[in-house]
Amino acid sequence: MSRSTVVATGRPLPQPTPATSEFWASGADGVLRVAQCGTCGKRMHPTTVLCPECRGRDISLQAVSGRAVVVGVTINVQQWLPDLPPPYVIAIVALEEDSSVRLTTNIVGCEPTDVSVGTGVRVVFEQMSDEIWLPLFEPDPNADGEPGPLPEPENYRARLRPPVTSGKFEDRVVISGVGQSRIGRRLMVDPLTLTVDACLQAIADAGLSVDDIDGLSTYPGAAVGGISEGGIMPVEQSLRIRPTWVNGGGDLPGQNGSIVAAMLAVASGLCRHVLCYRTVWESTHSELVRSGQWEAGIGRAAGMFEFRHPFGAISAANWIACQASHYFHRYGDAKETLGAIAVNARTSAGSNPEAVYRDPITMADYLGARTVSTPFGLYDCDVPVDGAVAVIVSAAETAPDLPHAPVFVEAVGTQILENLSWDQGTLTHLPQSLGPSAHLWSRTDLRPEDVDVALLYDGFTFNALSWLEALGFCEFGGARDFVDGGRGIAIDGRLPLNPHGGQLSAGRTHGYGFFREAVLQLRRQAPGLQVADPEVAVVTAGGGVPSGAVLLRTG
């Protein structure tokens, strides 16, 4: 069999590691095997070096029945890979022996529409090379036809840690400035230009000079693929700040975690003014790839993609759609609720001169749009753009000297309470929206009813729905009534949601755009729709794992 990166099926080959190679090869005899602790019997997937229950190291692959229940499912309709034509079914299946052990896979051997949450399935293997046997699943002919049992949500709140001290680091910082570059589709400019534009604007907005800045913080650091200007190095080489402290990386509580890190640096006394920035140029990058000016070869699926890309689960649209399907099954069809979120975003964007898409859409437009990955259609997905946003975090004692009214930080939500995984943890909502939300409210006496405006990450409409429920603005399953066809989240509704248009219509500035909008709303300087006299704003970021939340206030 060929050992090329992509085999005849069109699937990318997984890149086995010393920990996972045995799993990929173990299906040669048609038997599914998963890791199991020899000390306490706990099963797990993927294989880890420590048992999550007893911390034992006696872990080996053990055979299981190969029978499972579908707990999340999506029909992918988008062509992500040139040689893997849609439609095909992507699913999360929970093993019969232990519903907390799940595999992301494909359901084969049936019509895509025949698969739903609760469908009983059994494993079949597809040989991809001498060392790789891909575990797929097909409907189990021995199942009784009734929906199988589903795992119940975990009591994640039981893991909440109380504050370590009575004093809060949040009280020692203020948000002193914000800036934004041009935002647009296919601007075809160097991303560092956008970064510098946003940074200089934020510095000026705070009434500072470049020489006043003594820290730099960014997300995700040096990364490729149109999602970074290159991190700390190129920005420092351009601005020559000579910072006391720097931070750049992706393993943070969401994209705005880089702003939280800056707060910690300032609150500790290490820095006085930290410049935070986030740059994307996905729109230009995609155009360069399409035109052949940028070579983006398909390599083996490694890291977090090892257990997703071989099944054609290329996009977060596929991964999060599985949680959306579980939500629909458990709480009822919420398609029109998602539609109301999308229509509201476009309506708000119509008043924002900075928004990428401003033409109104109707519910009929939303429902009639092409499908991407069920239940998501075109208008459920945010818009890739080019642009940069910058934020200045300053010491609280500088507040009287600021040219604008300072924005204070009331609380942050950063604790990981859920399994840090796209498929092994939360199924009812966007993974990692529940834990940070609970942590946020543990660090403040304010409550959800005190919030005047919500800037909630809407990489997909279901993300925003998840944050609404996770933050306690309504009960689980209650978003339909809370959103109320869009009336509840409109600019004059009970909780104005993303009045700038969100990433769904204003453009995917990857978290930072929400933070900037929250600051401008609280300063009564919104570029578009302005909430009447807001005093408290909540901001979330991180369209999945990990994520974070921040509560801001005027005084």
Protein backbone atom coordinates (compact mmCIF):
# COMPACT_ATOMS: atom_id res chain seq x y z
CA MET A 1 0.00 0.00 0.00
CA SER A 2 1.17 3.52 -0.81
CA ARG A 3 2.71 5.52 2.02
CA SER A 4 2.01 8.92 0.44
CA THR A 5 0.51 11.68 2.58
CA VAL A 6 -2.93 11.40 1.01
CA VAL A 7 -4.07 7.94 -0.05
CA ALA A 8 -6.59 7.00 -2.71
CA THR A 9 -9.50 7.75 -0.41
CA GLY A 10 -8.50 11.42 -0.31
CA ARG A 11 -8.02 11.37 3.43
CA PRO A 12 -4.95 12.95 5.03
CA LEU A 13 -2.90 10.35 6.86
CA PRO A 14 -2.58 10.80 10.60
CA GLN A 15 0.91 11.33 11.94
CA PRO A 16 1.35 8.63 14.58
CA THR A 17 3.42 9.49 17.63
CA PRO A 18 5.13 7.10 20.05
CA ALA A 19 1.95 7.33 22.14
CA THR A 20 -0.57 6.84 19.32
CA SER A 21 1.11 4.57 16.78
CA GLU A 22 -0.17 1.41 18.47
CA PHE A 23 -3.76 2.70 18.32
CA TRP A 24 -3.59 3.39 14.58
CA ALA A 25 -2.09 -0.04 13.87
CA SER A 26 -4.32 -2.00 16.24
CA GLY A 27 -7.26 -2.36 13.87
CA ALA A 28 -5.46 -4.76 11.55
CA ASP A 29 -7.42 -7.68 13.04
CA GLY A 30 -10.74 -5.81 12.97
CA VAL A 31 -10.82 -5.22 16.73
CA LEU A 32 -11.12 -1.74 18.22
CA ARG A 33 -8.76 -1.06 21.11
CA VAL A 34 -8.55 1.94 23.41
CA ALA A 35 -6.25 2.85 26.26
CA GLN A 36 -7.12 1.48 29.70
CA CYS A 37 -5.51 1.90 33.09
CA GLY A 38 -4.34 -1.40 34.56
CA THR A 39 -4.63 -0.04 38.09
CA CYS A 40 -8.17 1.37 38.24
CA GLY A 41 -9.67 0.18 34.94
CA LYS A 42 -10.37 3.68 33.58
CA ARG A 43 -10.63 3.81 29.76
CA MET A 44 -9.46 6.86 27.85
CA HIS A 45 -8.92 8.22 24.34
CA PRO A 46 -6.50 9.28 23.03
CA THR A 47 -3.79 7.48 24.96
CA THR A 48 -2.20 9.52 27.74
CA VAL A 49 0.83 8.92 29.94
CA LEU A 50 -1.13 9.24 33.20
CA CYS A 51 -4.54 7.87 34.10
CA PRO A 52 -6.88 10.85 34.68
CA GLU A 53 -8.55 8.99 37.56
CA CYS A 54 -5.75 7.45 39.66
CA ARG A 55 -2.68 9.05 38.01
CA GLY A 56 -1.32 5.58 37.40
CA ARG A 57 1.09 4.81 34.57
CA ASP A 58 0.08 1.22 33.85
CA ILE A 59 -1.76 2.08 30.63
CA SER A 60 -2.16 -0.20 27.64
CA LEU A 61 -4.53 -0.74 24.72
CA GLN A 62 -7.35 -3.14 25.48
CA ALA A 63 -10.04 -4.52 23.20
CA VAL A 64 -13.58 -3.18 23.33
CA SER A 65 -16.74 -4.38 21.60
CA GLY A 66 -16.57 -1.79 18.81
CA ARG A 67 -20.21 -0.84 19.44
CA ALA A 68 -21.07 2.78 20.15
CA VAL A 69 -23.80 5.42 20.11
CA VAL A 70 -23.72 8.59 18.05
CA VAL A 71 -23.71 11.55 20.48
CA GLY A 72 -22.98 14.31 17.97
CA VAL A 73 -23.28 14.37 14.20
CA THR A 74 -22.98 16.66 11.21
CA ILE A 75 -23.31 16.18 7.47
CA ASN A 76 -20.41 18.03 5.93
CA VAL A 77 -21.30 19.63 2.59
CA GLN A 78 -18.28 21.90 2.13
CA GLN A 79 -15.37 20.74 -0.06
CA TRP A 80 -12.41 21.08 2.30
CA LEU A 81 -10.07 18.60 0.62
CA PRO A 82 -9.60 18.25 -3.16
CA ASP A 83 -9.89 14.46 -3.16
CA LEU A 84 -12.49 13.89 -0.44
CA PRO A 85 -15.82 14.89 -1.99
CA PRO A 86 -18.81 15.76 0.19
CA PRO A 87 -21.32 15.02 1.48
CA TYR A 88 -20.08 12.79 4.26
CA VAL A 89 -21.05 12.23 7.88
CA ILE A 90 -18.75 13.31 10.71
CA ALA A 91 -19.77 12.08 14.14
CA ILE A 92 -18.71 11.79 17.72
CA VAL A 93 -19.49 8.28 18.98
CA ALA A 94 -19.48 7.17 22.62
CA LEU A 95 -18.32 3.63 23.33
CA GLU A 96 -20.85 1.14 24.67
CA GLU A 97 -18.50 0.24 27.53
CA ASP A 98 -17.92 3.83 28.68
CA SER A 99 -19.80 6.82 27.26
CA SER A 100 -17.07 9.20 28.45
CA VAL A 101 -14.71 7.61 25.89
CA ARG A 102 -15.47 8.93 22.42
CA LEU A 103 -14.07 8.93 18.93
CA THR A 104 -14.51 11.49 16.17
CA THR A 105 -15.13 9.41 13.06
CA ASN A 106 -17.21 8.96 9.92
CA ILE A 107 -20.45 7.02 9.67
CA VAL A 108 -20.43 4.98 6.47
CA GLY A 109 -22.60 2.36 4.79
CA CYS A 110 -25.83 4.37 4.88
CA GLU A 111 -27.45 7.53 3.62
CA PRO A 112 -26.12 10.57 5.50
CA THR A 113 -29.62 11.59 6.57
CA ASP A 114 -30.15 8.18 8.22
CA VAL A 115 -27.74 9.09 11.04
CA SER A 116 -28.85 11.05 14.09
CA VAL A 117 -27.93 11.50 17.72
CA GLY A 118 -28.72 8.19 19.41
CA THR A 119 -28.02 5.97 16.40
CA GLY A 120 -26.33 2.68 17.37
CA VAL A 121 -23.18 1.98 15.35
CA ARG A 122 -20.34 -0.53 15.12
CA VAL A 123 -16.74 -0.19 14.02
CA VAL A 124 -15.37 -1.01 10.57
CA PHE A 125 -11.78 -0.36 9.58
CA GLU A 126 -10.31 1.23 6.48
CA GLN A 127 -6.66 0.40 5.79
CA MET A 128 -4.68 3.50 4.86
CA SER A 129 -1.15 2.07 5.03
CA ASP A 130 0.69 -0.85 6.55
CA GLU A 131 0.65 0.93 9.93
CA ILE A 132 -2.67 2.79 9.85
CA TRP A 133 -6.15 1.34 10.11
CA LEU A 134 -8.80 4.03 10.35
CA PRO A 135 -11.74 3.24 12.68
CA LEU A 136 -14.96 4.17 10.89
CA PHE A 137 -18.46 3.22 12.02
CA GLU A 138 -21.60 1.94 10.33
CA PRO A 139 -25.15 1.52 11.61
CA ASP A 140 -25.31 -1.53 13.86
CA PRO A 141 -27.75 -4.05 12.33
CA ASN A 142 -28.19 -5.62 15.77
CA ALA A 143 -29.36 -2.39 17.38
CA ASP A 144 -33.04 -2.39 18.35
CA GLY A 145 -33.79 0.81 16.45
CA GLU A 146 -34.39 2.84 19.58
CA PRO A 147 -32.03 5.75 20.33
CA GLY A 148 -29.14 4.60 22.48
CA PRO A 149 -28.33 6.10 25.89
CA LEU A 150 -26.57 9.43 25.93
CA PRO A 151 -24.01 10.65 28.46
CA GLU A 152 -25.41 13.13 30.96
CA PRO A 153 -23.69 16.51 31.40
CA GLU A 154 -20.99 16.60 34.04
CA ASN A 155 -21.20 18.63 37.24
CA TYR A 156 -18.42 20.95 36.12
CA ARG A 157 -19.23 23.52 38.83
CA ALA A 158 -18.01 21.07 41.49
CA ARG A 159 -14.46 21.73 40.22
CA LEU A 160 -14.66 25.51 40.66
CA ARG A 161 -11.80 26.89 42.75
CA PRO A 162 -12.52 29.74 45.20
CA PRO A 163 -10.47 32.94 44.92
CA VAL A 164 -7.00 32.52 46.41
CA THR A 165 -6.98 35.95 48.08
CA SER A 166 -9.53 38.57 49.05
CA GLY A 167 -7.78 41.14 46.89
CA LYS A 168 -8.20 41.00 43.11
CA PHE A 169 -5.48 41.70 40.58
CA GLU A 170 -8.22 43.08 38.33
CA ASP A 171 -8.52 46.11 40.62
CA ARG A 172 -4.94 47.14 39.86
CA VAL A 173 -5.36 47.66 36.11
CA VAL A 174 -7.36 49.74 33.63
CA ILE A 175 -7.91 49.54 29.89
CA SER A 176 -6.41 52.81 28.71
CA GLY A 177 -6.48 52.58 24.93
CA VAL A 178 -7.73 50.65 21.92
CA GLY A 179 -6.89 50.77 18.23
CA GLN A 180 -7.83 49.09 15.00
CA SER A 181 -6.37 48.97 11.52
CA ARG A 182 -8.35 48.83 8.33
CA ILE A 183 -10.61 45.77 8.26
CA GLY A 184 -11.48 44.22 4.93
CA ARG A 185 -11.57 41.29 2.59
CA ARG A 186 -8.40 40.58 0.61
CA LEU A 187 -6.64 43.85 1.42
CA MET A 188 -3.44 42.33 -0.05
CA VAL A 189 -1.15 44.21 2.32
CA ASP A 190 1.60 42.94 4.58
CA PRO A 191 0.02 41.90 7.91
CA LEU A 192 2.72 43.65 9.93
CA THR A 193 1.51 46.94 8.43
CA LEU A 194 -1.92 46.27 9.90
CA THR A 195 -0.41 45.39 13.28
CA VAL A 196 1.65 48.56 13.49
CA ASP A 197 -1.31 50.70 12.41
CA ALA A 198 -3.49 49.27 15.19
CA CYS A 199 -0.73 49.50 17.79
CA LEU A 200 0.12 53.13 17.08
CA GLN A 201 -3.57 54.03 17.14
CA ALA A 202 -4.04 52.34 20.52
CA ILE A 203 -0.98 54.09 21.97
CA ALA A 204 -2.28 57.46 20.79
CA ASP A 205 -5.77 56.66 22.08
CA ALA A 206 -4.28 56.11 25.54
CA GLY A 207 -2.45 59.43 25.37
CA LEU A 208 0.91 57.65 25.49
CA SER A 209 4.06 57.53 23.39
CA VAL A 210 5.83 54.44 22.12
CA ASP A 211 8.49 55.03 24.77
CA ASP A 212 5.84 54.65 27.51
CA ILE A 213 5.12 51.05 26.54
CA ASP A 214 7.11 48.51 28.57
CA GLY A 215 5.39 45.22 27.71
CA LEU A 216 4.12 43.33 24.66
CA SER A 217 1.50 40.56 24.61
CA THR A 218 -0.10 38.80 21.66
CA TYR A 219 -1.95 35.72 20.48
CA PRO A 220 -1.00 33.24 19.02
CA GLY A 221 2.59 34.34 18.61
CA ALA A 222 4.62 33.20 15.63
CA ALA A 223 2.11 31.21 13.57
CA VAL A 224 1.47 30.56 9.89
CA GLY A 225 -1.64 30.36 7.73
CA GLY A 226 -2.87 33.94 7.83
CA ILE A 227 -3.52 34.08 11.59
CA SER A 228 -0.55 36.14 12.80
CA GLU A 229 1.83 38.88 11.73
CA GLY A 230 4.65 36.79 13.18
CA GLY A 231 4.39 37.37 16.92
CA ILE A 232 6.63 39.38 19.20
CA MET A 233 9.79 39.49 17.08
CA PRO A 234 8.62 41.49 14.03
CA VAL A 235 6.62 43.95 16.14
CA GLU A 236 9.52 44.62 18.49
CA GLN A 237 11.81 45.01 15.49
CA SER A 238 9.41 47.61 14.09
CA LEU A 239 8.62 49.58 17.27
CA ARG A 240 11.88 49.03 19.22
CA ILE A 241 10.09 49.22 22.57
CA ARG A 242 12.75 47.27 24.51
CA PRO A 243 10.01 45.70 26.65
CA THR A 244 10.42 44.56 30.23
CA TRP A 245 8.12 41.60 29.57
CA VAL A 246 6.68 39.82 26.55
CA ASN A 247 4.08 37.13 25.98
CA GLY A 248 3.06 35.34 22.80
CA GLY A 249 1.42 31.96 22.39
CA GLY A 250 -1.77 30.06 21.73
CA ASP A 251 -2.22 28.15 24.99
CA LEU A 252 -4.15 30.91 26.74
CA PRO A 253 -7.75 31.38 27.96
CA GLY A 254 -8.89 32.32 24.48
CA GLN A 255 -7.42 35.02 22.27
CA ASN A 256 -8.15 37.63 24.93
CA GLY A 257 -6.08 35.55 27.32
CA SER A 258 -3.15 37.57 26.03
CA ILE A 259 -4.86 40.66 27.46
CA VAL A 260 -5.42 38.84 30.77
CA ALA A 261 -1.73 37.95 30.82
CA ALA A 262 -0.94 41.63 30.34
CA MET A 263 -3.19 42.46 33.30
CA LEU A 264 -1.17 40.08 35.45
CA ALA A 265 2.11 41.65 34.33
CA VAL A 266 0.84 45.13 35.19
CA ALA A 267 -0.83 44.10 38.46
CA SER A 268 2.41 42.45 39.61
CA GLY A 269 4.35 45.65 39.07
CA LEU A 270 6.50 44.21 36.29
CA CYS A 271 5.04 46.62 33.71
CA ARG A 272 3.13 49.89 33.66
CA HIS A 273 1.69 49.95 30.13
CA VAL A 274 1.41 46.71 28.10
CA LEU A 275 0.56 46.79 24.41
CA CYS A 276 -1.59 43.81 23.36
CA TYR A 277 -2.33 43.05 19.72
CA ARG A 278 -4.00 40.50 17.47
CA THR A 279 -3.64 40.35 13.68
CA VAL A 280 -5.36 38.21 11.06
CA TRP A 281 -4.90 38.17 7.30
CA GLU A 282 -6.79 34.99 6.43
CA SER A 283 -8.62 36.60 3.53
CA THR A 284 -5.43 37.63 1.74
CA HIS A 285 -3.72 34.34 2.61
CA SER A 286 -6.59 32.33 1.10
CA GLU A 287 -6.40 34.41 -2.09
CA LEU A 288 -2.64 33.85 -2.33
CA VAL A 289 -3.15 30.09 -1.94
CA ARG A 290 -5.94 30.05 -4.57
CA SER A 291 -3.80 31.98 -7.05
CA GLY A 292 -0.79 29.73 -6.56
CA GLN A 293 1.37 32.49 -5.08
CA TRP A 294 1.49 30.72 -1.69
CA GLU A 295 2.17 27.01 -1.46
CA ALA A 296 0.11 25.31 1.24
CA GLY A 297 0.76 21.61 0.96
CA ILE A 298 -1.34 19.05 2.82
CA GLY A 299 0.91 17.30 5.32
CA ARG A 300 0.14 14.50 7.70
CA ALA A 301 -2.44 15.30 10.34
CA ALA A 302 -0.55 16.00 13.57
CA GLY A 303 -1.21 17.46 16.99
CA MET A 304 -4.85 18.24 17.66
CA PHE A 305 -5.65 17.43 14.02
CA GLU A 306 -4.37 13.84 14.22
CA PHE A 307 -7.79 12.54 15.28
CA ARG A 308 -9.85 14.93 13.13
CA HIS A 309 -8.40 15.57 9.69
CA PRO A 310 -8.28 11.89 8.62
CA PHE A 311 -12.08 11.91 8.93
CA GLY A 312 -12.51 15.07 6.87
CA ALA A 313 -13.26 17.12 9.99
CA ILE A 314 -11.11 19.95 8.73
CA SER A 315 -12.94 22.98 10.09
CA ALA A 316 -14.17 24.08 13.49
CA ALA A 317 -17.53 24.24 11.70
CA ASN A 318 -17.47 20.43 11.65
CA TRP A 319 -16.36 20.04 15.25
CA ILE A 320 -18.78 22.53 16.81
CA ALA A 321 -21.66 21.37 14.61
CA CYS A 322 -21.50 18.06 16.48
CA GLN A 323 -22.18 19.88 19.76
CA ALA A 324 -24.98 21.83 18.09
CA SER A 325 -26.63 18.59 16.98
CA HIS A 326 -26.50 17.27 20.55
CA TYR A 327 -28.03 20.52 21.82
CA PHE A 328 -30.83 20.23 19.25
CA HIS A 329 -31.49 16.63 20.31
CA ARG A 330 -31.52 17.41 24.02
CA TYR A 331 -33.27 20.79 24.09
CA GLY A 332 -35.18 20.97 20.82
CA ASP A 333 -34.56 22.38 17.34
CA ALA A 334 -32.92 25.80 17.70
CA LYS A 335 -32.28 26.52 14.01
CA GLU A 336 -34.39 29.68 13.97
CA THR A 337 -32.76 30.83 17.20
CA LEU A 338 -29.39 30.58 15.47
CA GLY A 339 -30.97 32.42 12.55
CA ALA A 340 -32.12 35.23 14.83
CA ILE A 341 -28.55 35.63 16.09
CA ALA A 342 -27.26 35.86 12.50
CA VAL A 343 -29.96 38.31 11.37
CA ASN A 344 -29.43 40.48 14.45
CA ALA A 345 -25.68 40.59 13.77
CA ARG A 346 -26.26 41.77 10.21
CA THR A 347 -28.84 44.34 11.32
CA SER A 348 -26.37 45.76 13.82
CA ALA A 349 -23.56 45.75 11.27
CA GLY A 350 -25.71 47.88 8.99
CA SER A 351 -25.07 50.82 11.30
CA ASN A 352 -21.35 50.15 11.68
CA PRO A 353 -19.22 51.79 8.97
CA GLU A 354 -16.33 49.47 9.89
CA ALA A 355 -18.30 46.26 9.25
CA VAL A 356 -17.42 44.11 6.26
CA TYR A 357 -20.99 43.03 5.46
CA ARG A 358 -23.72 45.62 6.04
CA ASP A 359 -26.54 44.66 3.65
CA PRO A 360 -29.51 43.33 5.64
CA ILE A 361 -30.56 39.69 5.58
CA THR A 362 -33.87 38.11 6.53
CA MET A 363 -34.75 34.86 8.21
CA ALA A 364 -35.70 33.55 4.78
CA ASP A 365 -32.21 34.46 3.49
CA TYR A 366 -30.68 32.68 6.46
CA LEU A 367 -32.72 29.51 6.06
CA GLY A 368 -32.18 29.46 2.30
CA ALA A 369 -28.40 29.88 2.40
CA ARG A 370 -26.16 27.04 1.29
CA THR A 371 -25.28 24.44 3.87
CA VAL A 372 -21.72 24.21 5.17
CA SER A 373 -21.94 21.50 7.83
CA THR A 374 -25.37 20.75 9.31
CA PRO A 375 -26.95 22.50 11.10
CA PHE A 376 -24.68 25.37 10.01
CA GLY A 377 -25.27 27.29 6.82
CA LEU A 378 -23.37 30.17 5.29
CA TYR A 379 -24.74 32.81 7.67
CA ASP A 380 -23.92 30.71 10.74
CA CYS A 381 -20.21 31.18 10.01
CA ASP A 382 -18.07 34.23 10.65
CA VAL A 383 -16.27 36.13 7.90
CA PRO A 384 -12.50 35.76 7.35
CA VAL A 385 -10.90 39.19 7.00
CA ASP A 386 -7.62 41.06 7.17
CA GLY A 387 -7.11 43.38 10.10
CA ALA A 388 -5.51 44.06 13.46
CA VAL A 389 -6.76 45.24 16.83
CA ALA A 390 -4.66 46.53 19.74
CA VAL A 391 -5.42 47.12 23.42
CA ILE A 392 -3.40 48.94 26.09
CA VAL A 393 -3.48 47.62 29.66
CA SER A 394 -2.21 50.20 32.17
CA ALA A 395 -1.67 50.47 35.90
CA ALA A 396 -4.75 51.71 37.75
CA GLU A 397 -2.94 54.72 39.20
CA THR A 398 -2.58 56.15 35.67
CA ALA A 399 -6.36 56.49 35.30
CA PRO A 400 -6.55 60.20 36.20
CA ASP A 401 -4.08 61.04 33.43
CA LEU A 402 -5.93 59.28 30.62
CA PRO A 403 -7.51 61.32 27.82
CA HIS A 404 -10.64 59.12 27.93
CA ALA A 405 -12.69 57.78 30.80
CA PRO A 406 -10.91 54.62 31.94
CA VAL A 407 -12.51 51.23 31.61
CA PHE A 408 -12.02 49.06 34.68
CA VAL A 409 -11.71 45.29 34.87
CA GLU A 410 -14.24 43.76 37.26
CA ALA A 411 -13.39 40.08 36.84
CA VAL A 412 -11.91 37.45 34.55
CA GLY A 413 -13.03 33.88 33.91
CA THR A 414 -10.13 31.60 33.06
CA GLN A 415 -10.43 28.31 34.94
CA ILE A 416 -10.63 25.08 32.96
CA LEU A 417 -13.51 23.10 34.50
CA GLU A 418 -14.38 20.93 31.50
CA ASN A 419 -12.34 18.24 29.78
CA LEU A 420 -10.02 20.19 27.50
CA SER A 421 -11.11 18.45 24.33
CA TRP A 422 -13.35 18.88 21.32
CA ASP A 423 -14.98 15.48 21.76
CA GLN A 424 -14.16 13.98 25.18
CA GLY A 425 -15.88 16.65 27.28
CA THR A 426 -18.85 18.99 26.90
CA LEU A 427 -21.44 17.91 24.32
CA THR A 428 -24.37 20.20 25.13
CA HIS A 429 -22.61 23.50 24.36
CA LEU A 430 -19.49 24.95 22.82
CA PRO A 431 -16.61 23.25 24.68
CA GLN A 432 -14.96 25.53 27.24
CA SER A 433 -17.80 28.04 27.41
CA LEU A 434 -19.19 26.63 30.67
CA GLY A 435 -16.07 26.64 32.86
CA PRO A 436 -14.79 30.19 32.23
CA SER A 437 -18.34 31.53 32.68
CA ALA A 438 -18.69 29.92 36.10
CA HIS A 439 -15.24 31.14 37.09
CA LEU A 440 -16.07 34.70 36.02
CA TRP A 441 -19.03 35.00 38.40
CA SER A 442 -16.99 33.54 41.27
CA ARG A 443 -14.70 36.60 41.15
CA THR A 444 -17.36 39.32 41.42
CA ASP A 445 -20.49 40.29 43.32
CA LEU A 446 -22.11 41.40 40.07
CA ARG A 447 -24.61 39.06 38.47
CA PRO A 448 -25.81 38.46 34.90
CA GLU A 449 -28.70 40.90 35.36
CA ASP A 450 -26.15 43.69 35.95
CA VAL A 451 -24.69 43.35 32.43
CA ASP A 452 -25.76 46.06 29.98
CA VAL A 453 -24.11 44.77 26.80
CA ALA A 454 -22.68 41.39 25.77
CA LEU A 455 -19.80 40.95 23.34
CA LEU A 456 -19.85 37.19 22.87
CA TYR A 457 -17.61 35.25 20.52
CA ASP A 458 -19.66 34.28 17.47
CA GLY A 459 -17.29 32.35 15.24
CA PHE A 460 -20.52 30.41 14.68
CA THR A 461 -24.01 31.34 15.80
CA PHE A 462 -24.02 28.36 18.15
CA ASN A 463 -20.99 29.81 19.95
CA ALA A 464 -22.97 32.90 20.89
CA LEU A 465 -25.94 30.77 21.98
CA SER A 466 -23.62 28.68 24.16
CA TRP A 467 -22.12 31.74 25.84
CA LEU A 468 -25.58 33.21 26.53
CA GLU A 469 -26.58 30.07 28.42
CA ALA A 470 -23.18 29.41 30.00
CA LEU A 471 -23.04 32.93 31.45
CA GLY A 472 -26.45 32.44 33.03
CA PHE A 473 -28.47 34.93 31.02
CA CYS A 474 -30.94 32.08 30.58
CA GLU A 475 -31.16 28.44 31.62
CA PHE A 476 -29.69 25.61 29.56
CA GLY A 477 -32.04 25.14 26.63
CA GLY A 478 -33.59 28.55 27.27
CA ALA A 479 -31.91 30.56 24.50
CA ARG A 480 -34.94 30.29 22.22
CA ASP A 481 -37.15 32.20 24.63
CA PHE A 482 -34.37 34.60 25.67
CA VAL A 483 -33.41 35.52 22.10
CA ASP A 484 -37.12 35.83 21.28
CA GLY A 485 -36.73 35.90 17.53
CA GLY A 486 -34.00 38.54 17.86
CA ARG A 487 -35.97 40.97 20.01
CA GLY A 488 -34.20 39.95 23.21
CA ILE A 489 -30.70 40.61 21.81
CA ALA A 490 -31.40 43.73 19.73
CA ILE A 491 -29.89 47.09 20.61
CA ASP A 492 -33.04 47.93 22.61
CA GLY A 493 -33.58 44.38 23.90
CA ARG A 494 -33.05 42.88 27.33
CA LEU A 495 -29.38 42.19 26.50
CA PRO A 496 -27.88 43.87 23.41
CA LEU A 497 -25.62 41.31 21.74
CA ASN A 498 -22.63 42.28 19.58
CA PRO A 499 -23.94 45.71 18.52
CA HIS A 500 -21.03 46.13 16.09
CA GLY A 501 -22.16 43.08 14.09
CA GLY A 502 -19.86 40.50 15.65
CA GLN A 503 -17.56 38.32 13.63
CA LEU A 504 -20.61 37.08 11.71
CA SER A 505 -20.91 40.41 9.87
CA ALA A 506 -18.20 42.85 11.02
CA GLY A 507 -15.42 40.32 10.34
CA ARG A 508 -13.35 37.70 12.17
CA THR A 509 -10.87 39.74 14.17
CA HIS A 510 -10.51 36.65 16.33
CA GLY A 511 -11.61 37.83 19.75
CA TYR A 512 -9.95 41.23 20.05
CA GLY A 513 -12.69 42.98 18.08
CA PHE A 514 -15.18 42.13 20.82
CA PHE A 515 -12.89 43.56 23.48
CA ARG A 516 -12.40 46.81 21.57
CA GLU A 517 -16.15 47.15 21.00
CA ALA A 518 -16.84 46.59 24.72
CA VAL A 519 -14.40 49.38 25.62
CA LEU A 520 -15.91 51.76 23.06
CA GLN A 521 -19.44 50.95 24.24
CA LEU A 522 -18.51 51.73 27.85
CA ARG A 523 -16.84 54.97 26.71
CA ARG A 524 -19.97 55.85 24.66
CA GLN A 525 -17.82 55.91 21.51
CA ALA A 526 -19.16 52.96 19.52
CA PRO A 527 -18.66 53.37 15.77
CA GLY A 528 -22.17 52.07 15.09
CA LEU A 529 -25.07 51.30 17.38
CA GLN A 530 -24.54 52.62 20.91
CA VAL A 531 -26.18 51.01 23.93
CA ALA A 532 -27.83 53.62 26.13
CA ASP A 533 -25.62 54.46 29.13
CA PRO A 534 -23.92 51.07 29.62
CA GLU A 535 -21.99 50.50 32.83
CA VAL A 536 -21.08 46.81 32.60
CA ALA A 537 -20.00 44.74 29.59
CA VAL A 538 -19.08 41.07 29.34
CA VAL A 539 -16.61 39.88 26.70
CA THR A 540 -15.82 36.29 25.74
CA ALA A 541 -13.27 34.83 23.37
CA GLY A 542 -11.98 31.49 22.21
CA GLY A 543 -14.27 29.62 19.84
CA GLY A 544 -13.55 26.34 21.59
CA VAL A 545 -10.61 25.09 23.62
CA PRO A 546 -9.40 26.89 25.65
CA SER A 547 -11.56 30.00 26.21
CA GLY A 548 -12.02 32.91 28.58
CA ALA A 549 -14.35 35.69 29.74
CA VAL A 550 -13.82 39.23 31.03
CA LEU A 551 -16.21 41.57 32.83
CA LEU A 552 -15.58 45.28 32.26
CA ARG A 553 -17.17 48.31 33.95
CA THR A 554 -17.11 52.10 33.83
CA GLY A 555 -16.29 52.91 37.44
